[in-house]
Amino acid sequence: MIRVIIERSIAETLEIHYENISKETLQLAIRSPGFISGESLKDIQNPRHHILLCKWRSVEDWQLWVESPERKAMMSKLNILFDQEEKITLLETL
């Protein structure tokens, strides 16, 4: 099992648009093979800083999701809302 941390910085005034599209994206990810769980968090001190914590069965399952037409379509909607590129970190248990 792996964990994925996705950090995003949302452009000012676009938070509500982000939240709607992000929820839709999570619903698609849930149906993807190997998805275990996901959680969306917002920084209390900086509400434009969002973090997604996800568990996937394997790196291969994560990669399939990253390359899927569904995620690519959603990312084309999300990327225009960011004021910097998202940061993705993959973690595994020791």
N, C-alpha and C. Protein backbone atom coordinates (compact mmCIF):
# COMPACT_ATOMS: atom_id res chain seq x y z
N MET A 1 0.84 -1.17 0.00
CA MET A 1 0.00 0.00 0.00
C MET A 1 0.89 1.24 0.00
N ILE A 2 0.45 2.27 -0.72
CA ILE A 2 1.17 3.55 -0.73
C ILE A 2 0.23 4.66 -0.29
N ARG A 3 0.82 5.74 0.09
CA ARG A 3 0.06 6.96 0.41
C ARG A 3 0.54 8.05 -0.52
N VAL A 4 -0.39 8.88 -0.92
CA VAL A 4 -0.09 9.98 -1.83
C VAL A 4 -0.51 11.27 -1.15
N ILE A 5 0.40 12.23 -1.13
CA ILE A 5 0.09 13.57 -0.64
C ILE A 5 0.12 14.50 -1.84
N ILE A 6 -0.99 15.20 -2.04
CA ILE A 6 -1.08 16.17 -3.13
C ILE A 6 -1.31 17.54 -2.49
N GLU A 7 -0.39 18.46 -2.75
CA GLU A 7 -0.52 19.82 -2.23
C GLU A 7 -0.88 20.76 -3.37
N ARG A 8 -1.87 21.59 -3.10
CA ARG A 8 -2.33 22.54 -4.12
C ARG A 8 -2.52 23.92 -3.53
N SER A 9 -2.16 24.92 -4.31
CA SER A 9 -2.37 26.31 -3.93
C SER A 9 -3.38 26.90 -4.91
N ILE A 10 -4.53 27.29 -4.39
CA ILE A 10 -5.63 27.76 -5.22
C ILE A 10 -5.54 29.28 -5.38
N ALA A 11 -5.73 29.73 -6.60
CA ALA A 11 -5.71 31.18 -6.86
C ALA A 11 -6.82 31.87 -6.08
N GLU A 12 -6.53 33.09 -5.67
CA GLU A 12 -7.47 33.87 -4.88
C GLU A 12 -8.81 34.00 -5.59
N THR A 13 -9.87 33.86 -4.84
CA THR A 13 -11.28 33.95 -5.26
C THR A 13 -11.79 32.73 -6.03
N LEU A 14 -10.95 31.72 -6.25
CA LEU A 14 -11.38 30.55 -7.02
C LEU A 14 -11.62 29.32 -6.15
N GLU A 15 -11.60 29.50 -4.83
CA GLU A 15 -11.73 28.37 -3.91
C GLU A 15 -13.03 27.60 -4.10
N ILE A 16 -14.14 28.26 -4.28
CA ILE A 16 -15.43 27.57 -4.41
C ILE A 16 -15.46 26.71 -5.68
N HIS A 17 -14.87 27.21 -6.75
CA HIS A 17 -14.80 26.43 -7.99
C HIS A 17 -13.92 25.19 -7.77
N TYR A 18 -12.82 25.40 -7.05
CA TYR A 18 -11.93 24.29 -6.77
C TYR A 18 -12.65 23.20 -5.97
N GLU A 19 -13.35 23.58 -4.93
CA GLU A 19 -14.02 22.61 -4.07
C GLU A 19 -15.00 21.75 -4.86
N ASN A 20 -15.76 22.34 -5.75
CA ASN A 20 -16.73 21.58 -6.54
C ASN A 20 -16.04 20.59 -7.48
N ILE A 21 -15.03 21.03 -8.19
CA ILE A 21 -14.33 20.16 -9.14
C ILE A 21 -13.53 19.10 -8.40
N SER A 22 -12.95 19.47 -7.26
CA SER A 22 -12.17 18.52 -6.47
C SER A 22 -13.05 17.37 -5.97
N LYS A 23 -14.25 17.68 -5.52
CA LYS A 23 -15.18 16.64 -5.05
C LYS A 23 -15.54 15.69 -6.19
N GLU A 24 -15.78 16.25 -7.35
CA GLU A 24 -16.09 15.43 -8.53
C GLU A 24 -14.92 14.52 -8.90
N THR A 25 -13.71 15.06 -8.79
CA THR A 25 -12.51 14.27 -9.09
C THR A 25 -12.35 13.12 -8.10
N LEU A 26 -12.59 13.39 -6.83
CA LEU A 26 -12.49 12.34 -5.82
C LEU A 26 -13.51 11.24 -6.08
N GLN A 27 -14.70 11.59 -6.50
CA GLN A 27 -15.71 10.58 -6.82
C GLN A 27 -15.26 9.67 -7.96
N LEU A 28 -14.55 10.23 -8.93
CA LEU A 28 -14.01 9.42 -10.02
C LEU A 28 -12.87 8.52 -9.51
N ALA A 29 -12.02 9.06 -8.67
CA ALA A 29 -10.89 8.28 -8.13
C ALA A 29 -11.39 7.10 -7.32
N ILE A 30 -12.45 7.29 -6.57
CA ILE A 30 -13.00 6.22 -5.74
C ILE A 30 -13.32 4.99 -6.58
N ARG A 31 -13.73 5.20 -7.81
CA ARG A 31 -14.11 4.09 -8.70
C ARG A 31 -12.90 3.48 -9.42
N SER A 32 -11.74 4.04 -9.23
CA SER A 32 -10.54 3.57 -9.92
C SER A 32 -9.97 2.35 -9.19
N PRO A 33 -9.52 1.34 -9.94
CA PRO A 33 -8.94 0.14 -9.31
C PRO A 33 -7.74 0.49 -8.42
N GLY A 34 -7.73 -0.06 -7.23
CA GLY A 34 -6.62 0.15 -6.32
C GLY A 34 -6.79 1.31 -5.36
N PHE A 35 -7.81 2.12 -5.55
CA PHE A 35 -8.06 3.23 -4.63
C PHE A 35 -8.58 2.66 -3.31
N ILE A 36 -7.99 3.10 -2.21
CA ILE A 36 -8.42 2.62 -0.89
C ILE A 36 -9.19 3.70 -0.15
N SER A 37 -8.60 4.90 -0.04
CA SER A 37 -9.29 5.98 0.66
C SER A 37 -8.69 7.32 0.25
N GLY A 38 -9.44 8.37 0.55
CA GLY A 38 -8.97 9.71 0.25
C GLY A 38 -9.59 10.71 1.20
N GLU A 39 -8.84 11.76 1.45
CA GLU A 39 -9.29 12.80 2.36
C GLU A 39 -8.81 14.14 1.81
N SER A 40 -9.68 15.14 1.84
CA SER A 40 -9.34 16.47 1.37
C SER A 40 -9.30 17.41 2.56
N LEU A 41 -8.19 18.13 2.70
CA LEU A 41 -7.98 19.02 3.85
C LEU A 41 -7.64 20.43 3.39
N LYS A 42 -8.00 21.40 4.23
CA LYS A 42 -7.68 22.79 3.94
C LYS A 42 -6.90 23.37 5.12
N ASP A 43 -5.83 24.06 4.83
CA ASP A 43 -4.98 24.69 5.83
C ASP A 43 -5.79 25.76 6.58
N ILE A 44 -5.82 25.67 7.89
CA ILE A 44 -6.58 26.62 8.71
C ILE A 44 -6.01 28.03 8.59
N GLN A 45 -4.70 28.14 8.51
CA GLN A 45 -4.06 29.46 8.45
C GLN A 45 -3.98 30.02 7.03
N ASN A 46 -4.14 29.16 6.04
CA ASN A 46 -4.10 29.60 4.65
C ASN A 46 -5.15 28.81 3.86
N PRO A 47 -6.38 29.30 3.80
CA PRO A 47 -7.46 28.55 3.17
C PRO A 47 -7.29 28.29 1.67
N ARG A 48 -6.28 28.88 1.08
CA ARG A 48 -6.00 28.60 -0.34
C ARG A 48 -5.06 27.41 -0.50
N HIS A 49 -4.50 26.92 0.60
CA HIS A 49 -3.60 25.76 0.59
C HIS A 49 -4.41 24.51 0.91
N HIS A 50 -4.50 23.61 -0.05
CA HIS A 50 -5.28 22.37 0.10
C HIS A 50 -4.34 21.17 0.01
N ILE A 51 -4.66 20.15 0.79
CA ILE A 51 -3.89 18.91 0.79
C ILE A 51 -4.85 17.74 0.63
N LEU A 52 -4.50 16.84 -0.27
CA LEU A 52 -5.26 15.61 -0.43
C LEU A 52 -4.38 14.46 0.06
N LEU A 53 -4.94 13.61 0.90
CA LEU A 53 -4.25 12.43 1.40
C LEU A 53 -4.98 11.22 0.84
N CYS A 54 -4.28 10.38 0.11
CA CYS A 54 -4.91 9.21 -0.52
C CYS A 54 -4.11 7.96 -0.21
N LYS A 55 -4.83 6.85 -0.13
CA LYS A 55 -4.18 5.53 -0.03
C LYS A 55 -4.52 4.76 -1.29
N TRP A 56 -3.50 4.13 -1.85
CA TRP A 56 -3.64 3.30 -3.04
C TRP A 56 -3.00 1.94 -2.77
N ARG A 57 -3.50 0.94 -3.42
CA ARG A 57 -2.98 -0.41 -3.26
C ARG A 57 -1.51 -0.50 -3.70
N SER A 58 -1.16 0.21 -4.78
CA SER A 58 0.21 0.13 -5.31
C SER A 58 0.54 1.37 -6.13
N VAL A 59 1.83 1.53 -6.40
CA VAL A 59 2.28 2.62 -7.27
C VAL A 59 1.67 2.44 -8.65
N GLU A 60 1.57 1.19 -9.10
CA GLU A 60 1.00 0.92 -10.43
C GLU A 60 -0.45 1.37 -10.52
N ASP A 61 -1.23 1.13 -9.46
CA ASP A 61 -2.62 1.58 -9.45
C ASP A 61 -2.69 3.10 -9.49
N TRP A 62 -1.83 3.76 -8.71
CA TRP A 62 -1.77 5.22 -8.72
C TRP A 62 -1.44 5.73 -10.12
N GLN A 63 -0.44 5.12 -10.76
CA GLN A 63 -0.03 5.55 -12.10
C GLN A 63 -1.17 5.38 -13.12
N LEU A 64 -1.91 4.29 -12.99
CA LEU A 64 -3.06 4.09 -13.88
C LEU A 64 -4.07 5.23 -13.71
N TRP A 65 -4.30 5.64 -12.49
CA TRP A 65 -5.22 6.75 -12.23
C TRP A 65 -4.65 8.06 -12.81
N VAL A 66 -3.36 8.32 -12.57
CA VAL A 66 -2.73 9.55 -13.07
C VAL A 66 -2.85 9.64 -14.58
N GLU A 67 -2.68 8.53 -15.27
CA GLU A 67 -2.71 8.52 -16.73
C GLU A 67 -4.11 8.32 -17.31
N SER A 68 -5.10 8.15 -16.46
CA SER A 68 -6.45 7.87 -16.95
C SER A 68 -7.06 9.10 -17.63
N PRO A 69 -7.89 8.87 -18.65
CA PRO A 69 -8.58 9.99 -19.30
C PRO A 69 -9.45 10.79 -18.33
N GLU A 70 -10.01 10.11 -17.32
CA GLU A 70 -10.87 10.79 -16.34
C GLU A 70 -10.07 11.81 -15.53
N ARG A 71 -8.92 11.39 -15.04
CA ARG A 71 -8.12 12.33 -14.24
C ARG A 71 -7.56 13.44 -15.12
N LYS A 72 -7.12 13.11 -16.31
CA LYS A 72 -6.59 14.14 -17.20
C LYS A 72 -7.65 15.20 -17.52
N ALA A 73 -8.88 14.75 -17.72
CA ALA A 73 -9.98 15.69 -18.00
C ALA A 73 -10.23 16.59 -16.79
N MET A 74 -10.23 16.00 -15.60
CA MET A 74 -10.47 16.79 -14.40
C MET A 74 -9.30 17.75 -14.13
N MET A 75 -8.08 17.29 -14.38
CA MET A 75 -6.92 18.15 -14.16
C MET A 75 -6.92 19.34 -15.11
N SER A 76 -7.46 19.16 -16.30
CA SER A 76 -7.53 20.30 -17.23
C SER A 76 -8.47 21.38 -16.66
N LYS A 77 -9.46 20.97 -15.89
CA LYS A 77 -10.35 21.94 -15.23
C LYS A 77 -9.70 22.53 -13.97
N LEU A 78 -8.97 21.69 -13.24
CA LEU A 78 -8.37 22.13 -11.98
C LEU A 78 -7.14 23.01 -12.20
N ASN A 79 -6.30 22.67 -13.14
CA ASN A 79 -5.03 23.40 -13.33
C ASN A 79 -5.21 24.90 -13.52
N ILE A 80 -6.29 25.31 -14.11
CA ILE A 80 -6.51 26.75 -14.33
C ILE A 80 -6.87 27.48 -13.03
N LEU A 81 -7.17 26.71 -11.97
CA LEU A 81 -7.51 27.31 -10.68
C LEU A 81 -6.31 27.46 -9.76
N PHE A 82 -5.18 26.86 -10.12
CA PHE A 82 -3.99 26.88 -9.28
C PHE A 82 -3.15 28.12 -9.55
N ASP A 83 -2.52 28.63 -8.49
CA ASP A 83 -1.56 29.72 -8.72
C ASP A 83 -0.12 29.21 -8.72
N GLN A 84 0.05 27.90 -8.56
CA GLN A 84 1.33 27.23 -8.76
C GLN A 84 1.05 25.75 -9.01
N GLU A 85 2.02 25.08 -9.56
CA GLU A 85 1.85 23.67 -9.92
C GLU A 85 1.64 22.82 -8.67
N GLU A 86 0.76 21.82 -8.77
CA GLU A 86 0.54 20.93 -7.62
C GLU A 86 1.80 20.12 -7.34
N LYS A 87 1.97 19.77 -6.07
CA LYS A 87 3.12 18.97 -5.64
C LYS A 87 2.60 17.62 -5.19
N ILE A 88 3.16 16.55 -5.74
CA ILE A 88 2.73 15.19 -5.41
C ILE A 88 3.89 14.44 -4.77
N THR A 89 3.62 13.81 -3.63
CA THR A 89 4.61 13.00 -2.92
C THR A 89 4.04 11.60 -2.73
N LEU A 90 4.80 10.59 -3.13
CA LEU A 90 4.40 9.19 -2.93
C LEU A 90 5.18 8.63 -1.74
N LEU A 91 4.48 7.98 -0.83
CA LEU A 91 5.10 7.44 0.37
C LEU A 91 4.78 5.96 0.51
N GLU A 92 5.73 5.21 1.06
CA GLU A 92 5.47 3.82 1.37
C GLU A 92 5.88 3.55 2.80
N THR A 93 5.29 2.53 3.39
CA THR A 93 5.59 2.14 4.76
C THR A 93 6.93 1.43 4.80
N LEU A 94 7.71 1.70 5.83
CA LEU A 94 9.00 1.03 6.01
C LEU A 94 8.81 -0.34 6.64
